[in-house]
Protein backbone atom coordinates (compact mmCIF):
# COMPACT_ATOMS: atom_id res chain seq x y z
CA MET A 1 134.11 102.61 78.47
CA LYS A 2 134.07 98.89 79.23
CA LEU A 3 133.38 97.84 82.82
CA ASP A 4 134.74 94.83 84.64
CA ILE A 5 131.86 94.85 87.15
CA LEU A 6 128.37 96.31 87.03
CA ALA A 7 126.52 96.28 90.36
CA ILE A 8 122.75 96.66 90.03
CA GLY A 9 120.49 97.68 92.91
CA ALA A 10 116.75 98.22 93.16
CA HIS A 11 117.40 101.27 95.34
CA PRO A 12 120.30 103.62 95.92
CA ASP A 13 122.18 102.19 98.96
CA ASP A 14 121.43 98.51 98.16
CA VAL A 15 124.82 98.03 96.54
CA GLU A 16 126.82 99.91 99.18
CA MET A 17 125.24 98.05 102.09
CA SER A 18 125.71 94.60 100.59
CA SER A 19 128.80 94.68 98.36
CA GLY A 20 130.47 98.04 98.95
CA ALA A 21 133.68 96.58 100.36
CA THR A 22 133.99 94.11 97.49
CA LEU A 23 133.65 96.92 94.96
CA ALA A 24 136.15 99.10 96.83
CA LYS A 25 138.64 96.23 96.82
CA GLU A 26 138.23 95.56 93.10
CA ILE A 27 138.56 99.25 92.28
CA ALA A 28 141.77 99.41 94.33
CA ALA A 29 143.03 96.46 92.27
CA GLY A 30 142.46 98.45 89.06
CA LYS A 31 139.08 97.08 87.99
CA LYS A 32 136.53 99.36 86.35
CA VAL A 33 133.28 99.29 88.31
CA GLY A 34 129.88 100.87 87.77
CA ILE A 35 126.59 101.02 89.67
CA LEU A 36 123.12 100.93 88.11
CA ASP A 37 120.23 101.97 90.37
CA LEU A 38 116.80 100.91 89.15
CA THR A 39 114.76 103.44 91.18
CA ARG A 40 115.36 106.68 93.07
CA GLY A 41 113.97 105.23 96.28
CA GLU A 42 111.17 107.78 96.26
CA LEU A 43 108.88 105.70 98.48
CA GLY A 44 111.42 105.60 101.30
CA THR A 45 109.94 106.80 104.60
CA ARG A 46 112.87 109.09 105.33
CA GLY A 47 114.34 111.74 103.07
CA SER A 48 113.31 112.26 99.45
CA ALA A 49 114.30 111.20 95.94
CA GLU A 50 116.31 114.40 95.55
CA ILE A 51 118.20 113.73 98.77
CA ARG A 52 118.86 110.15 97.72
CA ASP A 53 120.22 111.38 94.37
CA LYS A 54 122.82 113.49 96.20
CA GLU A 55 123.63 110.74 98.68
CA ALA A 56 124.10 108.19 95.89
CA ALA A 57 126.49 110.51 94.07
CA ASP A 58 128.50 111.04 97.25
CA ALA A 59 128.62 107.30 97.99
CA GLY A 60 129.81 106.56 94.47
CA LYS A 61 132.65 109.05 94.84
CA ILE A 62 133.70 107.47 98.14
CA LEU A 63 133.89 104.03 96.52
CA GLY A 64 135.56 105.46 93.41
CA VAL A 65 133.14 103.95 90.89
CA HIS A 66 133.68 104.80 87.24
CA MET A 67 130.00 105.37 86.44
CA ARG A 68 126.66 105.51 88.18
CA HIS A 69 123.31 105.67 86.42
CA ASN A 70 119.71 105.65 87.62
CA LEU A 71 116.98 104.24 85.37
CA GLY A 72 114.18 106.00 87.28
CA PHE A 73 111.88 102.99 87.48
CA ALA A 74 108.91 103.33 89.85
CA ASP A 75 109.96 102.50 93.40
CA GLY A 76 107.79 99.67 94.71
CA PHE A 77 105.91 99.27 91.44
CA PHE A 78 108.47 98.42 88.75
CA VAL A 79 107.88 95.11 87.04
CA ASN A 80 109.96 92.51 85.29
CA ASN A 81 108.65 93.03 81.77
CA ALA A 82 110.08 93.60 78.30
CA ALA A 83 110.23 97.38 78.65
CA SER A 84 112.22 97.22 81.89
CA GLN A 85 114.46 94.43 80.62
CA LEU A 86 115.33 96.39 77.49
CA GLU A 87 116.43 99.42 79.50
CA ILE A 88 118.85 97.29 81.48
CA ILE A 89 120.00 95.48 78.35
CA LYS A 90 120.98 98.83 76.84
CA ILE A 91 123.20 99.55 79.84
CA ILE A 92 124.74 96.08 79.80
CA ARG A 93 125.51 96.32 76.09
CA LYS A 94 126.94 99.81 76.47
CA TYR A 95 129.36 98.92 79.27
CA ARG A 96 129.88 95.18 78.54
CA PRO A 97 130.67 94.05 82.10
CA GLU A 98 132.26 90.68 82.75
CA VAL A 99 130.55 90.40 86.15
CA VAL A 100 127.14 91.63 87.24
CA LEU A 101 126.08 91.83 90.88
CA CYS A 102 122.33 91.75 91.60
CA ASN A 103 119.95 92.10 94.52
CA ALA A 104 119.26 89.16 96.83
CA PHE A 105 116.96 86.57 95.28
CA ASP A 106 114.96 86.40 98.55
CA ASP A 107 114.51 89.32 100.93
CA ARG A 108 112.17 91.37 103.10
CA HIS A 109 111.62 94.25 100.64
CA ILE A 110 109.55 93.20 97.63
CA ASP A 111 111.74 95.25 95.27
CA HIS A 112 114.82 93.19 96.09
CA PRO A 113 113.72 89.82 94.65
CA LYS A 114 111.94 91.68 91.82
CA GLY A 115 115.15 93.56 91.03
CA SER A 116 117.14 90.35 91.34
CA ASN A 117 115.03 88.51 88.77
CA LEU A 118 114.80 91.52 86.46
CA ALA A 119 118.55 92.08 86.36
CA SER A 120 119.31 88.38 85.95
CA ASP A 121 116.82 88.01 83.10
CA ALA A 122 118.24 91.09 81.38
CA CYS A 123 121.76 89.65 81.61
CA PHE A 124 120.61 86.53 79.75
CA LEU A 125 118.54 88.35 77.15
CA SER A 126 121.36 90.81 76.46
CA GLY A 127 123.27 87.95 74.87
CA LEU A 128 120.62 87.25 72.23
CA ARG A 129 121.60 88.83 68.93
CA LYS A 130 118.04 88.98 67.60
CA ILE A 131 117.05 91.40 70.35
CA GLU A 132 117.80 94.76 68.77
CA THR A 133 118.57 97.81 70.88
CA ILE A 134 119.54 101.36 70.04
CA HIS A 135 121.23 103.45 72.72
CA GLU A 136 122.22 107.08 72.26
CA GLY A 137 121.59 106.68 68.53
CA ASN A 138 123.83 103.63 68.16
CA HIS A 139 122.83 100.09 67.24
CA GLN A 140 124.19 97.80 69.94
CA HIS A 141 125.82 94.38 69.71
CA GLN A 142 124.76 91.55 71.97
CA TRP A 143 126.69 91.06 75.22
CA ARG A 144 126.19 88.54 78.00
CA PRO A 145 128.15 88.89 81.26
CA LYS A 146 130.26 85.87 82.14
CA HIS A 147 129.11 85.81 85.75
CA VAL A 148 125.96 86.89 87.61
CA TYR A 149 126.17 86.91 91.40
CA HIS A 150 123.65 88.00 94.03
CA TYR A 151 124.64 89.91 97.14
CA ILE A 152 122.98 89.30 100.51
CA GLN A 153 120.69 91.93 102.05
CA TRP A 154 118.26 91.94 104.98
CA LYS A 155 117.85 88.19 105.39
CA ASP A 156 120.81 86.12 106.54
CA LEU A 157 120.98 83.90 103.48
CA GLU A 158 123.68 81.26 103.33
CA PRO A 159 126.43 82.50 100.96
CA ASP A 160 127.79 80.27 98.23
CA PHE A 161 131.12 82.06 98.43
CA VAL A 162 132.66 84.85 100.49
CA VAL A 163 135.00 87.61 99.33
CA ASP A 164 137.74 88.55 101.78
CA VAL A 165 137.28 92.32 102.18
CA SER A 166 139.80 92.89 104.95
CA GLY A 167 141.04 96.46 104.91
CA PHE A 168 138.03 97.84 103.04
CA MET A 169 135.37 98.01 105.74
CA GLU A 170 136.10 101.61 106.67
CA GLN A 171 135.60 102.72 103.06
CA LYS A 172 132.43 100.65 102.78
CA MET A 173 130.90 102.11 105.93
CA GLU A 174 131.80 105.64 104.85
CA ALA A 175 129.88 105.00 101.61
CA VAL A 176 126.93 103.54 103.54
CA PHE A 177 126.79 106.55 105.86
CA ALA A 178 126.77 108.88 102.88
CA TYR A 179 123.05 108.03 102.99
CA LYS A 180 122.60 110.20 106.05
CA SER A 181 118.84 110.43 105.66
CA GLN A 182 118.41 106.66 105.81
CA PHE A 183 120.49 105.43 108.72
CA PHE A 184 120.73 105.93 112.47
CA ASP A 185 120.80 109.53 113.62
CA ALA A 186 119.86 110.18 117.23
CA SER A 187 118.98 113.79 116.43
CA SER A 188 116.66 112.98 113.52
CA GLU A 189 112.94 113.71 113.91
CA GLU A 190 112.06 111.50 110.93
CA PRO A 191 110.01 108.30 111.55
CA MET A 192 111.95 105.19 112.49
CA THR A 193 112.35 102.50 109.85
CA PRO A 194 113.83 98.99 109.92
CA ILE A 195 117.19 100.27 108.65
CA SER A 196 117.35 103.49 110.69
CA SER A 197 117.82 101.82 114.08
CA LYS A 198 121.27 101.62 115.64
CA ASN A 199 120.91 97.85 115.73
CA ALA A 200 120.38 97.74 111.96
CA THR A 201 123.32 100.04 111.36
CA ASP A 202 125.60 97.98 113.60
CA SER A 203 124.46 94.77 111.90
CA ILE A 204 125.81 95.90 108.52
CA ALA A 205 129.36 95.83 109.81
CA TYR A 206 128.80 92.93 112.19
CA ARG A 207 127.67 90.61 109.40
CA ASN A 208 130.86 91.32 107.46
CA TYR A 209 133.10 90.86 110.49
CA ASN A 210 131.29 87.64 111.40
CA LEU A 211 131.81 86.28 107.88
CA GLY A 212 135.44 87.25 108.25
CA ARG A 213 135.60 85.25 111.48
CA LEU A 214 134.13 82.24 109.70
CA ILE A 215 136.65 82.38 106.84
CA GLY A 216 139.62 83.29 109.02
CA THR A 217 140.06 86.90 107.93
CA GLU A 218 139.11 90.34 109.24
CA ALA A 219 135.93 90.72 107.17
CA GLY A 220 134.00 89.17 104.30
CA GLU A 221 131.03 89.81 102.02
CA GLY A 222 128.88 86.88 100.93
CA PHE A 223 127.28 86.16 97.57
CA THR A 224 125.00 83.52 96.09
CA VAL A 225 125.31 82.06 92.61
CA GLU A 226 123.03 80.98 89.76
CA ARG A 227 125.34 78.25 88.52
CA TYR A 228 128.23 76.29 89.95
CA PRO A 229 131.51 78.19 90.35
CA VAL A 230 134.39 76.51 88.53
CA VAL A 231 137.96 76.04 89.75
CA SER A 232 140.84 74.40 87.92
CA SER A 233 142.33 72.88 91.04
CA LEU A 234 141.45 72.16 94.63
CA PHE A 235 144.27 74.53 95.49
CA ASP A 236 142.39 77.43 93.93
CA LEU A 237 140.11 77.33 96.97
CA LYS A 238 141.33 79.15 100.05
C-alpha cells in the first residue's frame, strides 16, 4: 500500500495532539495516511507501555488511519544513528509517502527535536539508491518524500503555514482523549505531569482555535518547513 502522508512521532500521542485534525481532514478527502511511532512511551510517568499501545490503536481507529506501526526505539534514549535511520528508511520505502510530518524541531521534551532530526535525516537518506535495505525479505527501491513538514508541540513556535481544520476538531480531540492515561482526569490518583493538567488539555484545543482566529476560520494547525513552499500564483495563497 502506498501512503499519501506518513506522520512520524517520537511517542504515541505526539501526532494526534499536534496534527490530528489535519490528518482527519486529509483522510476524509480520500488520502491514505499512516502513523509511525518511534517509541512506546514507556518512560511516561502515567500509565504503561501496554496501556499506550492500546490507546494508540484506539486513537488510530478514531482518525481512520490506514496503518500504524511502532518501531520500539528506547523512550528517552534513542539516538539519531545509522541503525535508527535505516529502520525508518525501511518504512518510508515500503509505504512511499509523498508527505512526511515530523516532530517539532525545538521543544521541551528532548525526544521531540531528536525525533525531528532523525525522521528528517531518514527522509533524505531514503532517496539514495546506494543505501541498500531489505524489508520483509524484499530488496527495496529508493524513495524520497516530496515534502517534509514539522508540526508544533509544547512550545508556541511560529508556524510557516497553517492548515484550515475547521470541522475536524471534535474528531481530533476524541483521538487525543483516547490516551486516557495521559490527560486530565480529576479522579486519577496518578502523579501530575505537564500534559495531565486541565490547563494543558484545554490548551490543545485553544491553540487550534486561536490559529483559526488568526487565519479567519474556525480552527487551524500550524507547521514549519525545511525549505520554501512554492506556489504558482499569488492567488494560490488564501
